[in-house]
Amino acid sequence: MARACAHVVEGLATTLLVFPFVRQARRRALTRAWSRRLLRQLGVRLHVRGEAILPAHPRGLMIVANHVSWLDIVVLNALEPSRFVAKAELRRWLVLGWLIASAGTLFIERERRLHAHRANRAVAQALLAGDIVTVFPEGQTSDGRALLPFHASLLQPAIDAGGAIVPAAIRYTDAGAYTDAPAYVGDAGLVGSVWRVVGLAATDATVWLLPALDADARHRRELARVAEDAIRAALAAADDGSAPGKSGGPRAASQ
C-alpha cells in the first residue's frame, strides 16, 4: 500500500512538472506506464478480449464503458490513455481531484443544462483534436453485475463530431469468480474500496473491446441503446463463461 501511495505522489509530480512541457503522445505513454505500474502494485492483472486494437477514426473515438469503480479509470488508462468525462464534484476531491483534472479530465454538471451543452461542445472539440474520450453513460457506479440504464446525452459529442464509439465491458474477478471488492457504491468509501482490492491475493480486470459503432448521423438514444445492449451481452456471456471475442493479445498490464 505504501508503494501505491508513493506512486500516486509520483503521478502528481509528473502531471505538474512534465505534462505541461511534452506532446500528447508522450503524455499518453507516461499515463499508460504509470497506470500499469499502479495495477501491478495493487495486485491487479489486466486482460483484454475482443477487438485486438482500438480503431483509428479521423473524427474522433469515444470509449463507452460500464462503471464499477475508481479502478476503471486506471484499468482503461493502462489499456489506452484517454480523457475522461466526469461529474464536476470529482474536481473537488482532495489531491485526486487535482490529479484527474491535470490528466485532462473533462468535467460536467449534468443538472445545469447550459453547462452540459458547453461541456458537450468541449468533448466534441477534444474528439476532433484527436483525443480519445471515455464516458461512463450509467452516470454512477454499480456493483459490477447489473448494468444501469445509459444516459444518451453523454454520447451526443461523438455524434456532433461525426466520430465513432467503442463499447467496452469491464468485469472484476478473483480466482475466476466475480468479485465486488473494487466496487465503489453505496456507503463504500474510496479508502475502503482501495483496501478491499489490496486485500485480495490477486484481482483480474478483464476488458472486452466490442466492435466500433459509427456515430455520424445517428440518434443518441439509438446509439446508447445499441452500446448498452452490446455491453450487457458481453457481461452476461462472461457470467456463463462464453464471453464473445478473441483474446486482445499481449496487453496484460501485470506483465
C-alpha atoms as a PDB file:
ATOM      1  CA  MET A   1       0.000   0.000   0.000  1.00  0.00           C
ATOM      2  CA  ALA A   2       2.878   2.370   0.820  1.00  0.00           C
ATOM      3  CA  ARG A   3       4.335   1.784  -2.663  1.00  0.00           C
ATOM      4  CA  ALA A   4       0.994   2.619  -4.264  1.00  0.00           C
ATOM      5  CA  CYS A   5       0.745   5.856  -2.249  1.00  0.00           C
ATOM      6  CA  ALA A   6       4.261   6.825  -3.317  1.00  0.00           C
ATOM      7  CA  HIS A   7       3.305   6.044  -6.891  1.00  0.00           C
ATOM      8  CA  VAL A   8       0.315   8.401  -6.668  1.00  0.00           C
ATOM      9  CA  VAL A   9       2.627  11.149  -5.422  1.00  0.00           C
ATOM     10  CA  GLU A  10       4.889  10.430  -8.394  1.00  0.00           C
ATOM     11  CA  GLY A  11       1.873  10.820 -10.670  1.00  0.00           C
ATOM     12  CA  LEU A  12       1.068  14.187  -9.121  1.00  0.00           C
ATOM     13  CA  ALA A  13       4.629  15.356  -9.710  1.00  0.00           C
ATOM     14  CA  THR A  14       4.560  14.149 -13.319  1.00  0.00           C
ATOM     15  CA  THR A  15       1.336  15.963 -14.156  1.00  0.00           C
ATOM     16  CA  LEU A  16       2.675  19.149 -12.577  1.00  0.00           C
ATOM     17  CA  LEU A  17       6.281  19.152 -13.787  1.00  0.00           C
ATOM     18  CA  VAL A  18       6.255  17.113 -17.004  1.00  0.00           C
ATOM     19  CA  PHE A  19       2.848  17.160 -18.693  1.00  0.00           C
ATOM     20  CA  PRO A  20       2.844  20.911 -19.498  1.00  0.00           C
ATOM     21  CA  PHE A  21       6.074  20.546 -21.479  1.00  0.00           C
ATOM     22  CA  VAL A  22       5.581  17.369 -23.543  1.00  0.00           C
ATOM     23  CA  ARG A  23       3.475  16.409 -26.539  1.00  0.00           C
ATOM     24  CA  GLN A  24       0.210  14.495 -26.393  1.00  0.00           C
ATOM     25  CA  ALA A  25       1.828  11.212 -27.469  1.00  0.00           C
ATOM     26  CA  ARG A  26       4.374  11.465 -24.647  1.00  0.00           C
ATOM     27  CA  ARG A  27       1.656  12.226 -22.082  1.00  0.00           C
ATOM     28  CA  ARG A  28      -0.224   9.144 -23.219  1.00  0.00           C
ATOM     29  CA  ALA A  29       2.865   6.965 -22.935  1.00  0.00           C
ATOM     30  CA  LEU A  30       3.591   8.252 -19.428  1.00  0.00           C
ATOM     31  CA  THR A  31      -0.027   7.760 -18.376  1.00  0.00           C
ATOM     32  CA  ARG A  32      -0.091   4.193 -19.697  1.00  0.00           C
ATOM     33  CA  ALA A  33       3.169   3.277 -17.950  1.00  0.00           C
ATOM     34  CA  TRP A  34       2.057   4.900 -14.670  1.00  0.00           C
ATOM     35  CA  SER A  35      -1.299   3.114 -14.764  1.00  0.00           C
ATOM     36  CA  ARG A  36       0.259  -0.273 -15.464  1.00  0.00           C
ATOM     37  CA  ARG A  37       2.717   0.103 -12.596  1.00  0.00           C
ATOM     38  CA  LEU A  38      -0.098   1.061 -10.230  1.00  0.00           C
ATOM     39  CA  LEU A  39      -2.087  -2.020 -11.254  1.00  0.00           C
ATOM     40  CA  ARG A  40       0.930  -4.208 -10.514  1.00  0.00           C
ATOM     41  CA  GLN A  41       1.354  -2.610  -7.096  1.00  0.00           C
ATOM     42  CA  LEU A  42      -2.320  -3.207  -6.322  1.00  0.00           C
ATOM     43  CA  GLY A  43      -2.094  -6.827  -7.499  1.00  0.00           C
ATOM     44  CA  VAL A  44      -4.464  -6.263 -10.418  1.00  0.00           C
ATOM     45  CA  ARG A  45      -3.903  -8.185 -13.653  1.00  0.00           C
ATOM     46  CA  LEU A  46      -5.340  -6.695 -16.833  1.00  0.00           C
ATOM     47  CA  HIS A  47      -6.764  -8.898 -19.598  1.00  0.00           C
ATOM     48  CA  VAL A  48      -8.091  -7.632 -22.922  1.00  0.00           C
ATOM     49  CA  ARG A  49     -10.626  -9.525 -25.008  1.00  0.00           C
ATOM     50  CA  GLY A  50     -12.497  -8.822 -28.209  1.00  0.00           C
ATOM     51  CA  GLU A  51     -11.073  -6.372 -30.723  1.00  0.00           C
ATOM     52  CA  ALA A  52      -7.274  -6.583 -30.924  1.00  0.00           C
ATOM     53  CA  ILE A  53      -6.761  -2.813 -31.224  1.00  0.00           C
ATOM     54  CA  LEU A  54      -8.795   0.352 -30.962  1.00  0.00           C
ATOM     55  CA  PRO A  55      -9.681   1.546 -34.462  1.00  0.00           C
ATOM     56  CA  ALA A  56      -8.465   4.909 -35.705  1.00  0.00           C
ATOM     57  CA  HIS A  57     -11.132   7.389 -36.754  1.00  0.00           C
ATOM     58  CA  PRO A  58     -10.482  10.750 -38.454  1.00  0.00           C
ATOM     59  CA  ARG A  59     -13.223  12.488 -36.448  1.00  0.00           C
ATOM     60  CA  GLY A  60     -12.552  11.064 -33.029  1.00  0.00           C
ATOM     61  CA  LEU A  61     -13.050   7.946 -30.959  1.00  0.00           C
ATOM     62  CA  MET A  62     -15.151   7.671 -27.811  1.00  0.00           C
ATOM     63  CA  ILE A  63     -14.931   4.692 -25.434  1.00  0.00           C
ATOM     64  CA  VAL A  64     -18.245   3.893 -23.741  1.00  0.00           C
ATOM     65  CA  ALA A  65     -17.876   1.667 -20.674  1.00  0.00           C
ATOM     66  CA  ASN A  66     -19.812   0.337 -17.710  1.00  0.00           C
ATOM     67  CA  HIS A  67     -18.747   1.882 -14.418  1.00  0.00           C
ATOM     68  CA  VAL A  68     -17.861  -0.125 -11.307  1.00  0.00           C
ATOM     69  CA  SER A  69     -15.067   1.660  -9.520  1.00  0.00           C
ATOM     70  CA  TRP A  70     -12.355   4.310  -9.402  1.00  0.00           C
ATOM     71  CA  LEU A  71     -10.212   1.410 -10.610  1.00  0.00           C
ATOM     72  CA  ASP A  72     -11.950   1.550 -14.015  1.00  0.00           C
ATOM     73  CA  ILE A  73     -10.002   4.705 -14.861  1.00  0.00           C
ATOM     74  CA  VAL A  74      -6.652   3.108 -14.053  1.00  0.00           C
ATOM     75  CA  VAL A  75      -7.590  -0.048 -15.976  1.00  0.00           C
ATOM     76  CA  LEU A  76      -8.680   1.813 -19.099  1.00  0.00           C
ATOM     77  CA  ASN A  77      -5.666   4.125 -18.995  1.00  0.00           C
ATOM     78  CA  ALA A  78      -3.387   1.093 -18.744  1.00  0.00           C
ATOM     79  CA  LEU A  79      -5.055  -0.135 -21.923  1.00  0.00           C
ATOM     80  CA  GLU A  80      -5.307   3.115 -23.914  1.00  0.00           C
ATOM     81  CA  PRO A  81      -4.966   6.512 -22.195  1.00  0.00           C
ATOM     82  CA  SER A  82      -7.875   8.829 -22.827  1.00  0.00           C
ATOM     83  CA  ARG A  83      -9.632  11.887 -21.485  1.00  0.00           C
ATOM     84  CA  PHE A  84     -12.497  11.030 -19.167  1.00  0.00           C
ATOM     85  CA  VAL A  85     -15.806  12.799 -18.745  1.00  0.00           C
ATOM     86  CA  ALA A  86     -16.661  13.011 -15.040  1.00  0.00           C
ATOM     87  CA  LYS A  87     -19.092  14.707 -12.689  1.00  0.00           C
ATOM     88  CA  ALA A  88     -17.938  18.161 -11.654  1.00  0.00           C
ATOM     89  CA  GLU A  89     -17.998  17.200  -7.967  1.00  0.00           C
ATOM     90  CA  LEU A  90     -14.980  14.923  -8.514  1.00  0.00           C
ATOM     91  CA  ARG A  91     -12.924  18.009  -9.295  1.00  0.00           C
ATOM     92  CA  ARG A  92     -13.308  18.967  -5.634  1.00  0.00           C
ATOM     93  CA  TRP A  93     -11.787  15.731  -4.307  1.00  0.00           C
ATOM     94  CA  LEU A  94      -8.679  16.401  -2.242  1.00  0.00           C
ATOM     95  CA  VAL A  95      -5.491  15.527  -4.194  1.00  0.00           C
ATOM     96  CA  LEU A  96      -7.217  13.027  -6.506  1.00  0.00           C
ATOM     97  CA  GLY A  97      -9.442  15.750  -7.933  1.00  0.00           C
ATOM     98  CA  TRP A  98      -6.396  17.790  -8.861  1.00  0.00           C
ATOM     99  CA  LEU A  99      -4.695  14.710 -10.295  1.00  0.00           C
ATOM    100  CA  ILE A 100      -7.543  13.734 -12.598  1.00  0.00           C
ATOM    101  CA  ALA A 101      -8.046  17.345 -13.662  1.00  0.00           C
ATOM    102  CA  SER A 102      -4.366  17.666 -14.550  1.00  0.00           C
ATOM    103  CA  ALA A 103      -4.650  14.471 -16.587  1.00  0.00           C
ATOM    104  CA  GLY A 104      -7.151  16.195 -18.888  1.00  0.00           C
ATOM    105  CA  THR A 105     -10.483  15.085 -17.413  1.00  0.00           C
ATOM    106  CA  LEU A 106     -13.486  16.961 -18.807  1.00  0.00           C
ATOM    107  CA  PHE A 107     -15.959  17.854 -16.047  1.00  0.00           C
ATOM    108  CA  ILE A 108     -19.696  18.244 -16.493  1.00  0.00           C
ATOM    109  CA  GLU A 109     -22.529  19.431 -14.272  1.00  0.00           C
ATOM    110  CA  ARG A 110     -25.440  17.445 -15.671  1.00  0.00           C
ATOM    111  CA  GLU A 111     -28.031  19.273 -13.577  1.00  0.00           C
ATOM    112  CA  ARG A 112     -27.162  22.583 -15.278  1.00  0.00           C
ATOM    113  CA  ARG A 113     -28.362  22.424 -18.873  1.00  0.00           C
ATOM    114  CA  LEU A 114     -26.220  25.309 -20.135  1.00  0.00           C
ATOM    115  CA  HIS A 115     -23.088  23.856 -18.553  1.00  0.00           C
ATOM    116  CA  ALA A 116     -23.888  20.450 -20.016  1.00  0.00           C
ATOM    117  CA  HIS A 117     -24.161  21.939 -23.513  1.00  0.00           C
ATOM    118  CA  ARG A 118     -20.819  23.704 -23.092  1.00  0.00           C
ATOM    119  CA  ALA A 119     -19.211  20.516 -21.801  1.00  0.00           C
ATOM    120  CA  ASN A 120     -20.574  18.573 -24.772  1.00  0.00           C
ATOM    121  CA  ARG A 121     -19.002  21.096 -27.137  1.00  0.00           C
ATOM    122  CA  ALA A 122     -15.691  20.759 -25.312  1.00  0.00           C
ATOM    123  CA  VAL A 123     -15.856  16.960 -25.620  1.00  0.00           C
ATOM    124  CA  ALA A 124     -16.659  17.179 -29.339  1.00  0.00           C
ATOM    125  CA  GLN A 125     -13.715  19.533 -29.841  1.00  0.00           C
ATOM    126  CA  ALA A 126     -11.426  17.123 -27.971  1.00  0.00           C
ATOM    127  CA  LEU A 127     -12.534  14.292 -30.255  1.00  0.00           C
ATOM    128  CA  LEU A 128     -11.895  16.368 -33.375  1.00  0.00           C
ATOM    129  CA  ALA A 129      -8.463  17.306 -31.994  1.00  0.00           C
ATOM    130  CA  GLY A 130      -7.510  13.628 -31.919  1.00  0.00           C
ATOM    131  CA  ASP A 131      -8.109  12.830 -28.257  1.00  0.00           C
ATOM    132  CA  ILE A 132      -9.723   9.560 -27.226  1.00  0.00           C
ATOM    133  CA  VAL A 133     -12.523  10.364 -24.785  1.00  0.00           C
ATOM    134  CA  THR A 134     -14.061   7.895 -22.332  1.00  0.00           C
ATOM    135  CA  VAL A 135     -17.546   8.216 -20.856  1.00  0.00           C
ATOM    136  CA  PHE A 136     -19.483   6.133 -18.324  1.00  0.00           C
ATOM    137  CA  PRO A 137     -23.078   6.559 -19.548  1.00  0.00           C
ATOM    138  CA  GLU A 138     -24.611   4.925 -16.464  1.00  0.00           C
ATOM    139  CA  GLY A 139     -23.802   8.184 -14.705  1.00  0.00           C
ATOM    140  CA  GLN A 140     -22.835   6.398 -11.491  1.00  0.00           C
ATOM    141  CA  THR A 141     -21.072   3.259 -10.346  1.00  0.00           C
ATOM    142  CA  SER A 142     -22.776  -0.113  -9.939  1.00  0.00           C
ATOM    143  CA  ASP A 143     -21.755  -3.325  -8.194  1.00  0.00           C
ATOM    144  CA  GLY A 144     -20.418  -4.680 -11.493  1.00  0.00           C
ATOM    145  CA  ARG A 145     -23.169  -7.243 -12.000  1.00  0.00           C
ATOM    146  CA  ALA A 146     -26.137  -5.174 -13.122  1.00  0.00           C
ATOM    147  CA  LEU A 147     -25.880  -2.559 -15.869  1.00  0.00           C
ATOM    148  CA  LEU A 148     -27.742   0.669 -15.159  1.00  0.00           C
ATOM    149  CA  PRO A 149     -29.632   2.492 -17.946  1.00  0.00           C
ATOM    150  CA  PHE A 150     -27.434   4.677 -20.147  1.00  0.00           C
ATOM    151  CA  HIS A 151     -27.749   8.469 -20.281  1.00  0.00           C
ATOM    152  CA  ALA A 152     -27.850   9.056 -24.029  1.00  0.00           C
ATOM    153  CA  SER A 153     -26.835  12.708 -23.734  1.00  0.00           C
ATOM    154  CA  LEU A 154     -23.255  11.712 -22.891  1.00  0.00           C
ATOM    155  CA  LEU A 155     -22.892  10.202 -26.375  1.00  0.00           C
ATOM    156  CA  GLN A 156     -24.021  13.362 -28.188  1.00  0.00           C
ATOM    157  CA  PRO A 157     -20.464  14.759 -28.639  1.00  0.00           C
ATOM    158  CA  ALA A 158     -19.464  11.684 -30.665  1.00  0.00           C
ATOM    159  CA  ILE A 159     -22.433  12.322 -32.953  1.00  0.00           C
ATOM    160  CA  ASP A 160     -21.643  16.043 -33.208  1.00  0.00           C
ATOM    161  CA  ALA A 161     -18.039  15.249 -34.131  1.00  0.00           C
ATOM    162  CA  GLY A 162     -19.101  12.567 -36.619  1.00  0.00           C
ATOM    163  CA  GLY A 163     -16.826  10.067 -34.885  1.00  0.00           C
ATOM    164  CA  ALA A 164     -17.216   6.529 -33.614  1.00  0.00           C
ATOM    165  CA  ILE A 165     -17.751   4.858 -30.255  1.00  0.00           C
ATOM    166  CA  VAL A 166     -16.260   1.634 -28.924  1.00  0.00           C
ATOM    167  CA  PRO A 167     -18.362  -0.129 -26.258  1.00  0.00           C
ATOM    168  CA  ALA A 168     -16.172  -1.609 -23.510  1.00  0.00           C
ATOM    169  CA  ALA A 169     -17.334  -4.074 -20.862  1.00  0.00           C
ATOM    170  CA  ILE A 170     -15.380  -4.230 -17.583  1.00  0.00           C
ATOM    171  CA  ARG A 171     -15.562  -7.152 -15.149  1.00  0.00           C
ATOM    172  CA  TYR A 172     -13.507  -7.843 -11.991  1.00  0.00           C
ATOM    173  CA  THR A 173     -12.872 -11.387 -10.794  1.00  0.00           C
ATOM    174  CA  ASP A 174     -10.941 -13.114  -8.019  1.00  0.00           C
ATOM    175  CA  ALA A 175      -9.718 -16.660  -8.681  1.00  0.00           C
ATOM    176  CA  GLY A 176     -12.044 -16.774 -11.683  1.00  0.00           C
ATOM    177  CA  ALA A 177     -15.172 -15.759  -9.769  1.00  0.00           C
ATOM    178  CA  TYR A 178     -16.935 -12.399  -9.835  1.00  0.00           C
ATOM    179  CA  THR A 179     -15.871 -10.040  -7.045  1.00  0.00           C
ATOM    180  CA  ASP A 180     -17.377  -6.763  -5.913  1.00  0.00           C
ATOM    181  CA  ALA A 181     -14.252  -5.799  -3.949  1.00  0.00           C
ATOM    182  CA  PRO A 182     -13.368  -2.866  -6.269  1.00  0.00           C
ATOM    183  CA  ALA A 183     -16.972  -1.595  -6.315  1.00  0.00           C
ATOM    184  CA  TYR A 184     -17.424   1.984  -5.211  1.00  0.00           C
ATOM    185  CA  VAL A 185     -21.137   2.083  -4.401  1.00  0.00           C
ATOM    186  CA  GLY A 186     -23.468   2.903  -1.537  1.00  0.00           C
ATOM    187  CA  ASP A 187     -21.664   3.652   1.721  1.00  0.00           C
ATOM    188  CA  ALA A 188     -18.371   2.245   0.439  1.00  0.00           C
ATOM    189  CA  GLY A 189     -15.712   4.910   0.725  1.00  0.00           C
ATOM    190  CA  LEU A 190     -12.720   5.342  -1.530  1.00  0.00           C
ATOM    191  CA  VAL A 191     -10.211   4.214   1.100  1.00  0.00           C
ATOM    192  CA  GLY A 192     -12.295   1.147   1.936  1.00  0.00           C
ATOM    193  CA  SER A 193     -12.515   0.217  -1.729  1.00  0.00           C
ATOM    194  CA  VAL A 194      -8.738   0.521  -2.111  1.00  0.00           C
ATOM    195  CA  TRP A 195      -8.144  -1.659   0.954  1.00  0.00           C
ATOM    196  CA  ARG A 196     -10.502  -4.346  -0.358  1.00  0.00           C
ATOM    197  CA  VAL A 197      -8.569  -4.506  -3.632  1.00  0.00           C
ATOM    198  CA  VAL A 198      -5.237  -4.667  -1.833  1.00  0.00           C
ATOM    199  CA  GLY A 199      -6.608  -7.356   0.476  1.00  0.00           C
ATOM    200  CA  LEU A 200      -7.223  -9.786  -2.385  1.00  0.00           C
ATOM    201  CA  ALA A 201      -4.419 -12.139  -3.336  1.00  0.00           C
ATOM    202  CA  ALA A 202      -4.921 -11.137  -6.975  1.00  0.00           C
ATOM    203  CA  THR A 203      -7.642  -9.334  -8.864  1.00  0.00           C
ATOM    204  CA  ASP A 204      -8.264  -9.871 -12.568  1.00  0.00           C
ATOM    205  CA  ALA A 205      -9.654  -6.950 -14.523  1.00  0.00           C
ATOM    206  CA  THR A 206     -10.983  -8.028 -17.909  1.00  0.00           C
ATOM    207  CA  VAL A 207     -12.000  -5.521 -20.580  1.00  0.00           C
ATOM    208  CA  TRP A 208     -13.963  -6.615 -23.631  1.00  0.00           C
ATOM    209  CA  LEU A 209     -13.478  -4.178 -26.507  1.00  0.00           C
ATOM    210  CA  LEU A 210     -16.532  -4.589 -28.722  1.00  0.00           C
ATOM    211  CA  PRO A 211     -16.914  -3.639 -32.403  1.00  0.00           C
ATOM    212  CA  ALA A 212     -16.927   0.097 -33.077  1.00  0.00           C
ATOM    213  CA  LEU A 213     -20.181   1.890 -33.889  1.00  0.00           C
ATOM    214  CA  ASP A 214     -20.253   4.785 -36.350  1.00  0.00           C
ATOM    215  CA  ALA A 215     -21.843   7.736 -34.533  1.00  0.00           C
ATOM    216  CA  ASP A 216     -22.290  10.001 -37.556  1.00  0.00           C
ATOM    217  CA  ALA A 217     -25.929  10.933 -38.273  1.00  0.00           C
ATOM    218  CA  ARG A 218     -27.341   8.562 -35.639  1.00  0.00           C
ATOM    219  CA  HIS A 219     -29.758   9.485 -32.894  1.00  0.00           C
ATOM    220  CA  ARG A 220     -28.158   9.438 -29.469  1.00  0.00           C
ATOM    221  CA  ARG A 221     -30.897   7.263 -27.968  1.00  0.00           C
ATOM    222  CA  GLU A 222     -30.409   4.630 -30.663  1.00  0.00           C
ATOM    223  CA  LEU A 223     -26.641   4.767 -30.241  1.00  0.00           C
ATOM    224  CA  ALA A 224     -26.932   4.484 -26.451  1.00  0.00           C
ATOM    225  CA  ARG A 225     -29.308   1.516 -26.759  1.00  0.00           C
ATOM    226  CA  VAL A 226     -27.013  -0.377 -29.129  1.00  0.00           C
ATOM    227  CA  ALA A 227     -23.944   0.287 -26.961  1.00  0.00           C
ATOM    228  CA  GLU A 228     -25.793  -0.663 -23.777  1.00  0.00           C
ATOM    229  CA  ASP A 229     -27.084  -3.889 -25.340  1.00  0.00           C
ATOM    230  CA  ALA A 230     -23.569  -4.817 -26.530  1.00  0.00           C
ATOM    231  CA  ILE A 231     -22.032  -4.287 -23.083  1.00  0.00           C
ATOM    232  CA  ARG A 232     -24.894  -6.079 -21.340  1.00  0.00           C
ATOM    233  CA  ALA A 233     -24.482  -9.069 -23.657  1.00  0.00           C
ATOM    234  CA  ALA A 234     -20.709  -9.189 -23.054  1.00  0.00           C
ATOM    235  CA  LEU A 235     -21.169  -9.163 -19.272  1.00  0.00           C
ATOM    236  CA  ALA A 236     -23.866 -11.829 -19.451  1.00  0.00           C
ATOM    237  CA  ALA A 237     -21.637 -14.004 -21.619  1.00  0.00           C
ATOM    238  CA  ALA A 238     -18.783 -13.519 -19.128  1.00  0.00           C
ATOM    239  CA  ASP A 239     -21.015 -14.866 -16.373  1.00  0.00           C
ATOM    240  CA  ASP A 240     -21.646 -18.112 -18.226  1.00  0.00           C
ATOM    241  CA  GLY A 241     -18.066 -18.461 -19.431  1.00  0.00           C
ATOM    242  CA  SER A 242     -18.740 -17.750 -23.092  1.00  0.00           C
ATOM    243  CA  ALA A 243     -17.705 -14.112 -23.385  1.00  0.00           C
ATOM    244  CA  PRO A 244     -17.542 -13.021 -27.034  1.00  0.00           C
ATOM    245  CA  GLY A 245     -14.428 -12.271 -28.996  1.00  0.00           C
ATOM    246  CA  LYS A 246     -10.875 -13.413 -29.150  1.00  0.00           C
ATOM    247  CA  SER A 247      -8.035 -12.509 -26.860  1.00  0.00           C
ATOM    248  CA  GLY A 248      -6.804  -8.978 -27.404  1.00  0.00           C
ATOM    249  CA  GLY A 249      -3.166 -10.050 -27.435  1.00  0.00           C
ATOM    250  CA  PRO A 250      -0.270  -9.438 -25.077  1.00  0.00           C
ATOM    251  CA  ARG A 251      -1.545  -6.353 -23.326  1.00  0.00           C
ATOM    252  CA  ALA A 252      -1.772  -7.599 -19.733  1.00  0.00           C
ATOM    253  CA  ALA A 253      -0.674  -4.730 -17.542  1.00  0.00           C
ATOM    254  CA  SER A 254       0.804  -7.057 -14.971  1.00  0.00           C
ATOM    255  CA  GLN A 255       3.388  -8.364 -17.399  1.00  0.00           C
END
